[in-house]
Amino acid sequence: MKRLPIDIDMLVNLMDIDQREYDAISYLDTETGKIIFYQEDCFPDELVNCEVEREEITEDLLKYSWMRIEDLYTYYDLFCGDESERFEDIPWITPGEKFALIEEFIYTRVEESVRDEVYYEISGRGAFSKFRAFLEHHGEYKDAWFKFESENLTRIAVEWLNSIGIDPIDTSEQ
């Protein structure tokens, strides 16, 4: 396995949102460990359509003042260049996976006297908002949930990295 410095917190955050809602792209550079995240509409059409060569990329193509020319090179490398195989699409954690974490939390961390009631409350439509409401009404479980969720999302992220041959060195700010 290849050891790479990776910001695990950023990776977890990207895996925990459904990026399709935001027209976002996120990739991991498997050579450097850099995490790449952009909204798709940030790039000029000629770059999106691969109508320019890498050496033709200039600052004139920047759509926004906050972007850097390196962003354009990265986009080119991702979608138009020969090095695209070095980038891995960062997967997102599905609602089903998230619900499984909630169920595991309920069955392993919630007192037995409350467990069935909570599980019944969150079944069906609106399960996530109902679970958040449960946490608001039962504050004694709130911190435990956030710790449990964080640990498990980190575990899922590291398992994904391992599955693509990467042993991460966490560079998240502690």
N, C-alpha and C. Protein backbone atom coordinates (compact mmCIF):
# COMPACT_ATOMS: atom_id res chain seq x y z
N MET A 1 0.84 -1.19 0.00
CA MET A 1 0.00 0.00 0.00
C MET A 1 0.87 1.25 0.00
N LYS A 2 0.41 2.25 -0.68
CA LYS A 2 1.14 3.51 -0.77
C LYS A 2 0.73 4.42 0.39
N ARG A 3 1.74 4.96 1.11
CA ARG A 3 1.46 5.91 2.19
C ARG A 3 1.41 7.31 1.59
N LEU A 4 0.28 8.02 1.88
CA LEU A 4 0.11 9.37 1.36
C LEU A 4 -0.46 10.28 2.44
N PRO A 5 0.00 11.54 2.47
CA PRO A 5 -0.62 12.51 3.38
C PRO A 5 -1.99 12.93 2.86
N ILE A 6 -3.02 12.74 3.68
CA ILE A 6 -4.39 13.06 3.27
C ILE A 6 -5.12 13.73 4.42
N ASP A 7 -5.85 14.78 4.12
CA ASP A 7 -6.69 15.47 5.11
C ASP A 7 -7.97 14.63 5.29
N ILE A 8 -7.95 13.77 6.28
CA ILE A 8 -9.07 12.83 6.50
C ILE A 8 -10.36 13.59 6.83
N ASP A 9 -10.26 14.67 7.60
CA ASP A 9 -11.47 15.44 7.94
C ASP A 9 -12.13 15.99 6.68
N MET A 10 -11.34 16.52 5.75
CA MET A 10 -11.90 17.05 4.51
C MET A 10 -12.50 15.91 3.69
N LEU A 11 -11.82 14.79 3.64
CA LEU A 11 -12.33 13.63 2.90
C LEU A 11 -13.67 13.18 3.46
N VAL A 12 -13.75 13.08 4.79
CA VAL A 12 -15.01 12.68 5.44
C VAL A 12 -16.12 13.67 5.11
N ASN A 13 -15.82 14.96 5.17
CA ASN A 13 -16.84 15.98 4.87
C ASN A 13 -17.35 15.83 3.43
N LEU A 14 -16.46 15.57 2.50
CA LEU A 14 -16.89 15.41 1.11
C LEU A 14 -17.67 14.12 0.90
N MET A 15 -17.30 13.08 1.62
CA MET A 15 -18.03 11.81 1.50
C MET A 15 -19.41 11.90 2.13
N ASP A 16 -19.57 12.83 3.07
CA ASP A 16 -20.81 12.92 3.83
C ASP A 16 -21.87 13.82 3.19
N ILE A 17 -21.56 14.43 2.04
CA ILE A 17 -22.56 15.24 1.35
C ILE A 17 -22.84 14.62 -0.02
N ASP A 18 -24.06 14.73 -0.46
CA ASP A 18 -24.41 14.27 -1.79
C ASP A 18 -24.06 15.39 -2.75
N GLN A 19 -22.91 15.28 -3.38
CA GLN A 19 -22.39 16.36 -4.22
C GLN A 19 -23.23 16.60 -5.47
N ARG A 20 -24.06 15.64 -5.83
CA ARG A 20 -24.91 15.83 -7.01
C ARG A 20 -25.86 17.00 -6.79
N GLU A 21 -26.23 17.26 -5.53
CA GLU A 21 -27.13 18.38 -5.24
C GLU A 21 -26.47 19.72 -5.53
N TYR A 22 -25.15 19.76 -5.53
CA TYR A 22 -24.41 21.01 -5.67
C TYR A 22 -23.66 21.11 -6.99
N ASP A 23 -23.89 20.17 -7.91
CA ASP A 23 -23.12 20.12 -9.16
C ASP A 23 -21.63 20.22 -8.87
N ALA A 24 -21.19 19.43 -7.91
CA ALA A 24 -19.80 19.49 -7.47
C ALA A 24 -19.05 18.25 -7.94
N ILE A 25 -17.75 18.42 -8.03
CA ILE A 25 -16.87 17.31 -8.34
C ILE A 25 -15.83 17.21 -7.24
N SER A 26 -15.50 16.00 -6.84
CA SER A 26 -14.44 15.83 -5.87
C SER A 26 -13.65 14.58 -6.21
N TYR A 27 -12.35 14.74 -6.20
CA TYR A 27 -11.44 13.66 -6.56
C TYR A 27 -10.27 13.66 -5.60
N LEU A 28 -9.63 12.50 -5.53
CA LEU A 28 -8.41 12.35 -4.77
C LEU A 28 -7.29 12.10 -5.77
N ASP A 29 -6.24 12.89 -5.67
CA ASP A 29 -5.06 12.66 -6.49
C ASP A 29 -4.26 11.55 -5.81
N THR A 30 -4.22 10.39 -6.42
CA THR A 30 -3.58 9.23 -5.79
C THR A 30 -2.05 9.27 -5.86
N GLU A 31 -1.52 10.31 -6.49
CA GLU A 31 -0.06 10.49 -6.51
C GLU A 31 0.39 11.41 -5.38
N THR A 32 -0.43 12.43 -5.06
CA THR A 32 -0.02 13.43 -4.07
C THR A 32 -0.83 13.39 -2.78
N GLY A 33 -2.05 12.82 -2.83
CA GLY A 33 -2.95 12.85 -1.68
C GLY A 33 -3.80 14.10 -1.63
N LYS A 34 -3.65 14.97 -2.61
CA LYS A 34 -4.42 16.22 -2.64
C LYS A 34 -5.88 15.91 -2.93
N ILE A 35 -6.76 16.60 -2.21
CA ILE A 35 -8.20 16.47 -2.43
C ILE A 35 -8.64 17.64 -3.30
N ILE A 36 -9.36 17.30 -4.36
CA ILE A 36 -9.79 18.30 -5.34
C ILE A 36 -11.31 18.42 -5.25
N PHE A 37 -11.79 19.64 -5.06
CA PHE A 37 -13.23 19.86 -4.93
C PHE A 37 -13.58 21.17 -5.62
N TYR A 38 -14.48 21.09 -6.59
CA TYR A 38 -14.93 22.28 -7.30
C TYR A 38 -16.42 22.14 -7.63
N GLN A 39 -17.07 23.27 -7.80
CA GLN A 39 -18.40 23.29 -8.42
C GLN A 39 -18.14 23.23 -9.91
N GLU A 40 -18.90 22.43 -10.61
CA GLU A 40 -18.63 22.21 -12.03
C GLU A 40 -18.75 23.46 -12.87
N ASP A 41 -19.61 24.39 -12.48
CA ASP A 41 -19.80 25.58 -13.32
C ASP A 41 -18.70 26.63 -13.16
N CYS A 42 -17.65 26.30 -12.44
CA CYS A 42 -16.54 27.25 -12.24
C CYS A 42 -15.60 27.32 -13.43
N PHE A 43 -15.74 26.41 -14.36
CA PHE A 43 -14.76 26.31 -15.43
C PHE A 43 -15.33 26.77 -16.76
N PRO A 44 -14.49 27.39 -17.59
CA PRO A 44 -14.96 27.88 -18.89
C PRO A 44 -15.32 26.72 -19.82
N ASP A 45 -16.27 26.97 -20.70
CA ASP A 45 -16.75 25.93 -21.61
C ASP A 45 -15.64 25.31 -22.44
N GLU A 46 -14.71 26.12 -22.91
CA GLU A 46 -13.65 25.57 -23.75
C GLU A 46 -12.77 24.57 -23.00
N LEU A 47 -12.66 24.74 -21.70
CA LEU A 47 -11.92 23.76 -20.90
C LEU A 47 -12.80 22.56 -20.60
N VAL A 48 -14.05 22.80 -20.24
CA VAL A 48 -14.99 21.71 -19.95
C VAL A 48 -15.12 20.79 -21.17
N ASN A 49 -15.12 21.37 -22.35
CA ASN A 49 -15.27 20.60 -23.59
C ASN A 49 -13.93 20.11 -24.14
N CYS A 50 -12.85 20.33 -23.38
CA CYS A 50 -11.49 19.91 -23.77
C CYS A 50 -11.10 20.46 -25.14
N GLU A 51 -11.46 21.72 -25.38
CA GLU A 51 -11.15 22.37 -26.65
C GLU A 51 -9.79 23.09 -26.63
N VAL A 52 -9.11 23.05 -25.48
CA VAL A 52 -7.80 23.68 -25.38
C VAL A 52 -6.78 22.63 -24.94
N GLU A 53 -5.55 22.85 -25.34
CA GLU A 53 -4.47 21.98 -24.88
C GLU A 53 -3.91 22.57 -23.58
N ARG A 54 -3.23 21.75 -22.82
CA ARG A 54 -2.71 22.20 -21.51
C ARG A 54 -1.84 23.45 -21.66
N GLU A 55 -0.99 23.48 -22.67
CA GLU A 55 -0.09 24.62 -22.86
C GLU A 55 -0.82 25.89 -23.31
N GLU A 56 -2.09 25.76 -23.71
CA GLU A 56 -2.88 26.92 -24.12
C GLU A 56 -3.65 27.55 -22.96
N ILE A 57 -3.56 26.94 -21.79
CA ILE A 57 -4.28 27.46 -20.63
C ILE A 57 -3.58 28.72 -20.14
N THR A 58 -4.35 29.79 -20.04
CA THR A 58 -3.82 31.06 -19.54
C THR A 58 -4.78 31.64 -18.51
N GLU A 59 -4.35 32.69 -17.86
CA GLU A 59 -5.19 33.33 -16.85
C GLU A 59 -6.45 33.94 -17.46
N ASP A 60 -6.45 34.15 -18.76
CA ASP A 60 -7.65 34.67 -19.44
C ASP A 60 -8.84 33.72 -19.30
N LEU A 61 -8.57 32.45 -19.04
CA LEU A 61 -9.64 31.46 -18.91
C LEU A 61 -10.27 31.42 -17.51
N LEU A 62 -9.67 32.12 -16.57
CA LEU A 62 -10.21 32.12 -15.20
C LEU A 62 -11.57 32.81 -15.18
N LYS A 63 -12.58 32.11 -14.66
CA LYS A 63 -13.93 32.69 -14.61
C LYS A 63 -14.14 33.55 -13.35
N TYR A 64 -13.43 33.22 -12.29
CA TYR A 64 -13.63 33.91 -11.01
C TYR A 64 -12.30 34.37 -10.44
N SER A 65 -12.32 35.49 -9.75
CA SER A 65 -11.08 36.06 -9.21
C SER A 65 -10.44 35.19 -8.14
N TRP A 66 -11.25 34.36 -7.47
CA TRP A 66 -10.69 33.52 -6.41
C TRP A 66 -9.98 32.28 -6.95
N MET A 67 -10.18 31.98 -8.24
CA MET A 67 -9.52 30.81 -8.82
C MET A 67 -8.07 31.13 -9.16
N ARG A 68 -7.29 30.07 -9.24
CA ARG A 68 -5.89 30.18 -9.64
C ARG A 68 -5.69 29.40 -10.92
N ILE A 69 -4.66 29.73 -11.64
CA ILE A 69 -4.39 29.00 -12.88
C ILE A 69 -4.14 27.52 -12.61
N GLU A 70 -3.61 27.20 -11.43
CA GLU A 70 -3.39 25.80 -11.05
C GLU A 70 -4.70 25.02 -11.04
N ASP A 71 -5.82 25.70 -10.72
CA ASP A 71 -7.12 25.04 -10.74
C ASP A 71 -7.46 24.60 -12.16
N LEU A 72 -7.14 25.43 -13.14
CA LEU A 72 -7.41 25.09 -14.53
C LEU A 72 -6.54 23.91 -14.98
N TYR A 73 -5.28 23.92 -14.57
CA TYR A 73 -4.40 22.80 -14.91
C TYR A 73 -4.92 21.51 -14.28
N THR A 74 -5.36 21.60 -13.04
CA THR A 74 -5.89 20.41 -12.36
C THR A 74 -7.12 19.89 -13.09
N TYR A 75 -8.02 20.79 -13.46
CA TYR A 75 -9.22 20.38 -14.18
C TYR A 75 -8.83 19.71 -15.50
N TYR A 76 -7.89 20.29 -16.21
CA TYR A 76 -7.43 19.71 -17.47
C TYR A 76 -6.89 18.30 -17.23
N ASP A 77 -6.03 18.18 -16.22
CA ASP A 77 -5.45 16.87 -15.93
C ASP A 77 -6.53 15.84 -15.58
N LEU A 78 -7.56 16.30 -14.88
CA LEU A 78 -8.65 15.39 -14.49
C LEU A 78 -9.44 14.88 -15.69
N PHE A 79 -9.78 15.77 -16.60
CA PHE A 79 -10.76 15.42 -17.62
C PHE A 79 -10.24 15.41 -19.06
N CYS A 80 -9.15 16.09 -19.32
CA CYS A 80 -8.70 16.19 -20.70
C CYS A 80 -7.32 15.57 -20.93
N GLY A 81 -6.56 15.41 -19.89
CA GLY A 81 -5.19 14.96 -20.04
C GLY A 81 -5.03 13.45 -19.99
N ASP A 82 -3.79 13.04 -20.15
CA ASP A 82 -3.45 11.62 -20.15
C ASP A 82 -3.28 11.06 -18.74
N GLU A 83 -3.29 11.92 -17.74
CA GLU A 83 -3.04 11.47 -16.37
C GLU A 83 -4.32 11.24 -15.58
N SER A 84 -5.46 11.20 -16.24
CA SER A 84 -6.73 11.11 -15.52
C SER A 84 -6.87 9.86 -14.66
N GLU A 85 -6.14 8.79 -14.99
CA GLU A 85 -6.25 7.56 -14.20
C GLU A 85 -5.67 7.70 -12.79
N ARG A 86 -4.92 8.73 -12.56
CA ARG A 86 -4.35 8.91 -11.21
C ARG A 86 -5.35 9.54 -10.23
N PHE A 87 -6.50 9.97 -10.73
CA PHE A 87 -7.51 10.61 -9.90
C PHE A 87 -8.65 9.64 -9.60
N GLU A 88 -9.02 9.53 -8.35
CA GLU A 88 -10.14 8.68 -7.92
C GLU A 88 -11.31 9.56 -7.52
N ASP A 89 -12.46 9.25 -8.08
CA ASP A 89 -13.70 9.93 -7.72
C ASP A 89 -14.01 9.62 -6.25
N ILE A 90 -14.20 10.64 -5.43
CA ILE A 90 -14.50 10.42 -4.01
C ILE A 90 -15.96 10.01 -3.89
N PRO A 91 -16.21 8.83 -3.34
CA PRO A 91 -17.60 8.37 -3.22
C PRO A 91 -18.32 9.11 -2.10
N TRP A 92 -19.64 9.11 -2.16
CA TRP A 92 -20.39 9.71 -1.08
C TRP A 92 -21.08 8.61 -0.28
N ILE A 93 -21.29 8.90 0.97
CA ILE A 93 -21.95 7.96 1.86
C ILE A 93 -23.45 8.07 1.59
N THR A 94 -24.04 6.95 1.24
CA THR A 94 -25.46 6.95 0.84
C THR A 94 -26.37 7.10 2.05
N PRO A 95 -27.61 7.54 1.82
CA PRO A 95 -28.57 7.61 2.92
C PRO A 95 -28.75 6.24 3.61
N GLY A 96 -28.68 5.17 2.84
CA GLY A 96 -28.80 3.83 3.44
C GLY A 96 -27.67 3.53 4.40
N GLU A 97 -26.44 3.91 4.02
CA GLU A 97 -25.28 3.71 4.90
C GLU A 97 -25.41 4.58 6.15
N LYS A 98 -25.89 5.80 5.96
CA LYS A 98 -26.06 6.71 7.10
C LYS A 98 -27.15 6.18 8.05
N PHE A 99 -28.23 5.67 7.48
CA PHE A 99 -29.31 5.12 8.30
C PHE A 99 -28.81 3.89 9.07
N ALA A 100 -27.97 3.09 8.44
CA ALA A 100 -27.40 1.92 9.13
C ALA A 100 -26.57 2.36 10.34
N LEU A 101 -25.87 3.48 10.22
CA LEU A 101 -25.12 4.01 11.37
C LEU A 101 -26.07 4.42 12.50
N ILE A 102 -27.17 5.06 12.12
CA ILE A 102 -28.16 5.47 13.13
C ILE A 102 -28.71 4.24 13.84
N GLU A 103 -29.05 3.22 13.06
CA GLU A 103 -29.57 1.98 13.68
C GLU A 103 -28.55 1.36 14.62
N GLU A 104 -27.30 1.30 14.17
CA GLU A 104 -26.25 0.74 15.02
C GLU A 104 -26.10 1.55 16.31
N PHE A 105 -26.16 2.86 16.19
CA PHE A 105 -26.06 3.72 17.37
C PHE A 105 -27.21 3.42 18.33
N ILE A 106 -28.40 3.34 17.79
CA ILE A 106 -29.58 3.08 18.65
C ILE A 106 -29.42 1.76 19.39
N TYR A 107 -29.01 0.73 18.67
CA TYR A 107 -28.92 -0.60 19.29
C TYR A 107 -27.69 -0.80 20.16
N THR A 108 -26.69 0.05 20.03
CA THR A 108 -25.49 -0.13 20.86
C THR A 108 -25.29 0.96 21.91
N ARG A 109 -25.94 2.12 21.74
CA ARG A 109 -25.67 3.23 22.65
C ARG A 109 -26.89 3.75 23.41
N VAL A 110 -28.08 3.48 22.91
CA VAL A 110 -29.29 3.99 23.54
C VAL A 110 -29.79 2.97 24.56
N GLU A 111 -30.22 3.48 25.71
CA GLU A 111 -30.72 2.59 26.76
C GLU A 111 -31.86 1.71 26.24
N GLU A 112 -31.87 0.49 26.71
CA GLU A 112 -32.86 -0.49 26.24
C GLU A 112 -34.29 -0.03 26.46
N SER A 113 -34.54 0.69 27.55
CA SER A 113 -35.89 1.15 27.85
C SER A 113 -36.44 2.15 26.83
N VAL A 114 -35.55 2.81 26.08
CA VAL A 114 -35.93 3.82 25.10
C VAL A 114 -35.78 3.32 23.66
N ARG A 115 -34.98 2.29 23.48
CA ARG A 115 -34.54 1.81 22.17
C ARG A 115 -35.69 1.55 21.19
N ASP A 116 -36.67 0.74 21.57
CA ASP A 116 -37.75 0.39 20.64
C ASP A 116 -38.57 1.61 20.25
N GLU A 117 -38.81 2.48 21.22
CA GLU A 117 -39.57 3.70 20.94
C GLU A 117 -38.85 4.58 19.93
N VAL A 118 -37.54 4.72 20.10
CA VAL A 118 -36.75 5.55 19.18
C VAL A 118 -36.75 4.93 17.80
N TYR A 119 -36.54 3.64 17.74
CA TYR A 119 -36.49 2.99 16.44
C TYR A 119 -37.84 3.13 15.73
N TYR A 120 -38.90 3.00 16.45
CA TYR A 120 -40.24 3.15 15.87
C TYR A 120 -40.44 4.59 15.35
N GLU A 121 -39.99 5.55 16.16
CA GLU A 121 -40.12 6.97 15.78
C GLU A 121 -39.40 7.30 14.48
N ILE A 122 -38.24 6.69 14.25
CA ILE A 122 -37.45 7.08 13.08
C ILE A 122 -37.75 6.22 11.85
N SER A 123 -38.58 5.20 11.97
CA SER A 123 -38.88 4.39 10.80
C SER A 123 -39.82 5.15 9.87
N GLY A 124 -39.66 4.93 8.59
CA GLY A 124 -40.51 5.60 7.60
C GLY A 124 -39.93 6.92 7.12
N ARG A 125 -40.79 7.71 6.50
CA ARG A 125 -40.37 8.99 5.92
C ARG A 125 -39.88 9.95 7.00
N GLY A 126 -38.88 10.74 6.64
CA GLY A 126 -38.37 11.75 7.55
C GLY A 126 -37.51 11.19 8.67
N ALA A 127 -36.90 10.03 8.44
CA ALA A 127 -36.13 9.36 9.49
C ALA A 127 -35.01 10.24 10.04
N PHE A 128 -34.31 10.94 9.15
CA PHE A 128 -33.16 11.73 9.61
C PHE A 128 -33.60 12.92 10.46
N SER A 129 -34.65 13.61 10.03
CA SER A 129 -35.13 14.74 10.83
C SER A 129 -35.74 14.25 12.14
N LYS A 130 -36.38 13.10 12.12
CA LYS A 130 -36.92 12.52 13.36
C LYS A 130 -35.80 12.13 14.32
N PHE A 131 -34.71 11.62 13.77
CA PHE A 131 -33.57 11.27 14.63
C PHE A 131 -32.94 12.52 15.22
N ARG A 132 -32.83 13.58 14.41
CA ARG A 132 -32.31 14.86 14.95
C ARG A 132 -33.21 15.38 16.06
N ALA A 133 -34.53 15.24 15.88
CA ALA A 133 -35.47 15.68 16.92
C ALA A 133 -35.29 14.84 18.18
N PHE A 134 -35.07 13.55 18.02
CA PHE A 134 -34.81 12.68 19.17
C PHE A 134 -33.58 13.18 19.93
N LEU A 135 -32.52 13.52 19.20
CA LEU A 135 -31.29 14.00 19.84
C LEU A 135 -31.53 15.33 20.57
N GLU A 136 -32.38 16.18 20.01
CA GLU A 136 -32.69 17.45 20.67
C GLU A 136 -33.46 17.22 21.97
N HIS A 137 -34.35 16.25 21.96
CA HIS A 137 -35.16 15.97 23.16
C HIS A 137 -34.42 15.10 24.17
N HIS A 138 -33.42 14.40 23.73
CA HIS A 138 -32.64 13.52 24.61
C HIS A 138 -31.18 13.93 24.50
N GLY A 139 -30.88 15.09 25.04
CA GLY A 139 -29.54 15.68 24.94
C GLY A 139 -28.44 14.78 25.45
N GLU A 140 -28.78 13.85 26.32
CA GLU A 140 -27.75 12.95 26.86
C GLU A 140 -27.13 12.07 25.77
N TYR A 141 -27.78 11.95 24.63
CA TYR A 141 -27.26 11.12 23.54
C TYR A 141 -26.58 11.94 22.44
N LYS A 142 -26.75 13.24 22.48
CA LYS A 142 -26.27 14.10 21.39
C LYS A 142 -24.76 14.01 21.20
N ASP A 143 -23.99 14.25 22.25
CA ASP A 143 -22.53 14.19 22.14
C ASP A 143 -22.06 12.79 21.76
N ALA A 144 -22.73 11.78 22.33
CA ALA A 144 -22.36 10.39 22.01
C ALA A 144 -22.60 10.11 20.53
N TRP A 145 -23.70 10.63 19.97
CA TRP A 145 -23.98 10.42 18.55
C TRP A 145 -22.91 11.07 17.68
N PHE A 146 -22.56 12.33 17.98
CA PHE A 146 -21.58 13.02 17.15
C PHE A 146 -20.23 12.32 17.19
N LYS A 147 -19.85 11.82 18.35
CA LYS A 147 -18.59 11.07 18.48
C LYS A 147 -18.68 9.76 17.70
N PHE A 148 -19.78 9.04 17.86
CA PHE A 148 -19.99 7.77 17.15
C PHE A 148 -19.99 7.99 15.64
N GLU A 149 -20.71 9.00 15.19
CA GLU A 149 -20.79 9.30 13.77
C GLU A 149 -19.42 9.65 13.21
N SER A 150 -18.69 10.52 13.90
CA SER A 150 -17.37 10.94 13.45
C SER A 150 -16.42 9.75 13.34
N GLU A 151 -16.40 8.92 14.35
CA GLU A 151 -15.51 7.75 14.34
C GLU A 151 -15.85 6.81 13.19
N ASN A 152 -17.14 6.60 12.95
CA ASN A 152 -17.54 5.66 11.91
C ASN A 152 -17.37 6.23 10.51
N LEU A 153 -17.62 7.52 10.33
CA LEU A 153 -17.37 8.13 9.02
C LEU A 153 -15.88 8.11 8.69
N THR A 154 -15.06 8.33 9.71
CA THR A 154 -13.60 8.25 9.52
C THR A 154 -13.20 6.83 9.14
N ARG A 155 -13.78 5.85 9.82
CA ARG A 155 -13.49 4.44 9.51
C ARG A 155 -13.87 4.13 8.06
N ILE A 156 -15.04 4.59 7.62
CA ILE A 156 -15.50 4.35 6.25
C ILE A 156 -14.54 5.00 5.25
N ALA A 157 -14.09 6.21 5.53
CA ALA A 157 -13.16 6.91 4.64
C ALA A 157 -11.83 6.17 4.54
N VAL A 158 -11.31 5.73 5.67
CA VAL A 158 -10.03 5.01 5.68
C VAL A 158 -10.19 3.66 4.96
N GLU A 159 -11.31 2.99 5.15
CA GLU A 159 -11.55 1.73 4.44
C GLU A 159 -11.57 1.96 2.93
N TRP A 160 -12.19 3.06 2.48
CA TRP A 160 -12.19 3.37 1.05
C TRP A 160 -10.77 3.61 0.56
N LEU A 161 -10.00 4.40 1.32
CA LEU A 161 -8.61 4.65 0.92
C LEU A 161 -7.83 3.34 0.83
N ASN A 162 -8.00 2.48 1.81
CA ASN A 162 -7.31 1.18 1.79
C ASN A 162 -7.73 0.36 0.56
N SER A 163 -9.01 0.46 0.18
CA SER A 163 -9.51 -0.32 -0.95
C SER A 163 -8.90 0.11 -2.28
N ILE A 164 -8.39 1.35 -2.33
CA ILE A 164 -7.72 1.82 -3.55
C ILE A 164 -6.20 1.83 -3.38
N GLY A 165 -5.72 1.12 -2.35
CA GLY A 165 -4.29 0.94 -2.17
C GLY A 165 -3.56 2.05 -1.47
N ILE A 166 -4.28 2.84 -0.66
CA ILE A 166 -3.65 3.96 0.04
C ILE A 166 -3.75 3.77 1.54
N ASP A 167 -2.60 3.92 2.20
CA ASP A 167 -2.53 3.92 3.66
C ASP A 167 -2.31 5.38 4.06
N PRO A 168 -3.36 6.06 4.55
CA PRO A 168 -3.26 7.52 4.75
C PRO A 168 -2.43 7.93 5.97
N ILE A 169 -1.76 9.04 5.80
CA ILE A 169 -1.13 9.76 6.92
C ILE A 169 -2.03 10.96 7.12
N ASP A 170 -2.77 10.99 8.22
CA ASP A 170 -3.78 12.04 8.44
C ASP A 170 -3.11 13.39 8.66
N THR A 171 -3.47 14.34 7.81
CA THR A 171 -2.95 15.71 7.94
C THR A 171 -4.01 16.68 8.44
N SER A 172 -5.15 16.15 8.89
CA SER A 172 -6.20 17.02 9.42
C SER A 172 -5.67 17.83 10.58
N GLU A 173 -6.14 19.06 10.68
CA GLU A 173 -5.73 19.88 11.83
C GLU A 173 -6.44 19.34 13.07
N GLN A 174 -5.68 19.08 14.07
CA GLN A 174 -6.24 18.48 15.28
C GLN A 174 -6.86 19.53 16.18
